[in-house]
Protein backbone atom coordinates (compact mmCIF):
# COMPACT_ATOMS: atom_id res chain seq x y z
CA MET A 1 11.87 4.29 -12.96
CA LEU A 2 14.95 3.89 -10.79
CA ASN A 3 15.12 0.85 -8.52
CA GLU A 4 16.02 3.01 -5.50
CA LYS A 5 12.80 4.97 -5.93
CA LEU A 6 10.76 1.77 -6.32
CA PHE A 7 11.85 0.51 -2.93
CA THR A 8 11.23 3.85 -1.21
CA LEU A 9 7.84 4.41 -2.88
CA ILE A 10 6.10 1.35 -1.41
CA LYS A 11 6.72 1.21 2.33
CA ALA A 12 4.77 -1.86 3.47
CA PRO A 13 1.72 -4.01 2.71
CA ILE A 14 -1.28 -3.48 4.95
CA ILE A 15 -2.40 -6.94 6.10
CA THR A 16 -5.66 -6.87 8.04
CA GLU A 17 -8.94 -8.76 7.97
CA LYS A 18 -10.45 -6.04 5.80
CA SER A 19 -7.60 -6.26 3.28
CA ALA A 20 -7.98 -10.06 3.16
CA ARG A 21 -11.67 -9.70 2.32
CA LEU A 22 -10.86 -7.13 -0.39
CA ASN A 23 -8.30 -9.52 -1.85
CA GLU A 24 -10.78 -12.40 -1.98
CA LYS A 25 -13.72 -10.39 -3.33
CA PHE A 26 -12.19 -7.75 -5.62
CA LYS A 27 -8.54 -8.89 -6.09
CA GLN A 28 -7.30 -5.74 -4.31
CA VAL A 29 -4.13 -5.40 -2.26
CA MET A 30 -3.45 -2.51 0.15
CA PHE A 31 -0.06 -0.84 0.53
CA LYS A 32 1.28 1.96 2.69
CA VAL A 33 3.03 4.29 0.23
CA ASP A 34 4.96 7.56 0.24
CA LEU A 35 2.84 10.71 0.70
CA ASN A 36 4.26 12.25 -2.48
CA ALA A 37 3.61 9.21 -4.70
CA ASN A 38 1.04 9.43 -7.46
CA LYS A 39 -1.07 6.65 -8.99
CA ARG A 40 1.11 6.17 -12.07
CA GLU A 41 4.25 5.72 -9.97
CA ILE A 42 2.49 3.29 -7.61
CA LYS A 43 1.21 1.21 -10.54
CA GLN A 44 4.65 1.04 -12.14
CA ALA A 45 6.34 0.16 -8.84
CA VAL A 46 3.92 -2.69 -8.02
CA GLU A 47 4.18 -4.12 -11.54
CA GLU A 48 7.97 -4.09 -11.50
CA LEU A 49 8.49 -5.29 -7.93
CA PHE A 50 5.90 -8.09 -7.81
CA LYS A 51 5.71 -9.00 -11.55
CA VAL A 52 1.90 -8.67 -11.69
CA GLU A 53 -0.56 -6.83 -13.94
CA VAL A 54 -2.27 -3.86 -12.26
CA ILE A 55 -5.68 -2.75 -13.51
CA ALA A 56 -6.36 0.27 -11.27
CA VAL A 57 -4.96 2.19 -8.31
CA THR A 58 -7.01 4.13 -5.78
CA THR A 59 -5.36 6.21 -3.07
CA SER A 60 -6.44 7.86 0.16
CA VAL A 61 -4.57 9.91 2.75
CA VAL A 62 -5.06 8.68 6.32
CA LYS A 63 -4.78 11.51 8.80
CA GLY A 64 -2.71 10.83 11.91
CA LYS A 65 -4.55 10.58 15.21
CA THR A 66 -3.79 12.62 18.31
CA LYS A 67 -2.91 10.28 21.18
CA ARG A 68 -2.31 10.72 24.89
CA ASN A 69 -0.14 8.97 27.41
CA ARG A 70 1.26 9.85 30.82
CA THR A 71 3.98 12.09 29.39
CA GLY A 72 1.60 14.23 27.31
CA THR A 73 -0.02 14.27 23.91
CA TYR A 74 1.49 13.44 20.54
CA LYS A 75 0.31 13.09 16.96
CA ARG A 76 0.82 10.08 14.73
CA SER A 77 2.11 10.74 11.22
CA ASN A 78 -0.15 11.00 8.19
CA TYR A 79 0.28 8.29 5.56
CA LYS A 80 -1.08 7.43 2.13
CA LYS A 81 -2.89 4.15 1.54
CA ALA A 82 -3.04 2.64 -1.96
CA PHE A 83 -5.69 0.12 -3.05
CA VAL A 84 -4.20 -1.79 -6.00
CA THR A 85 -6.59 -3.82 -8.15
CA LEU A 86 -4.91 -6.80 -9.82
CA SER A 87 -5.95 -8.71 -12.93
CA GLN A 88 -7.72 -12.05 -12.47
CA ASP A 89 -4.64 -14.15 -13.30
CA SER A 90 -2.28 -12.12 -11.05
CA ASP A 91 -1.73 -12.75 -7.36
CA ILE A 92 0.58 -11.50 -4.61
CA GLN A 93 1.34 -13.80 -1.67
CA PHE A 94 2.80 -12.15 1.41
CA GLU A 95 3.20 -15.33 3.47
CA GLY A 96 6.81 -16.42 3.71
CA MET A 97 8.27 -13.11 2.52
CA ASN A 98 10.98 -11.55 4.65
């Protein structure tokens, strides 16, 4: 896979309390990925970018919410969330990364 596509496929890690619990309990890491990405591409991108072994990838599409403010209503964008299960000896640390 091309390096340009790798960097555009994975947009950002999702770091919340829920994702921290998933990481501790099931060795899962959550990423915000491109809407057109499939599981094979996500697995290959994570393995090449972070040098870890990926066991499984689960995806879900998060629908954007409709919000209101004083100027009117607007809709947030839809995005795809990927749950990446790592092997027991692999680990991704996001602290200290820029």
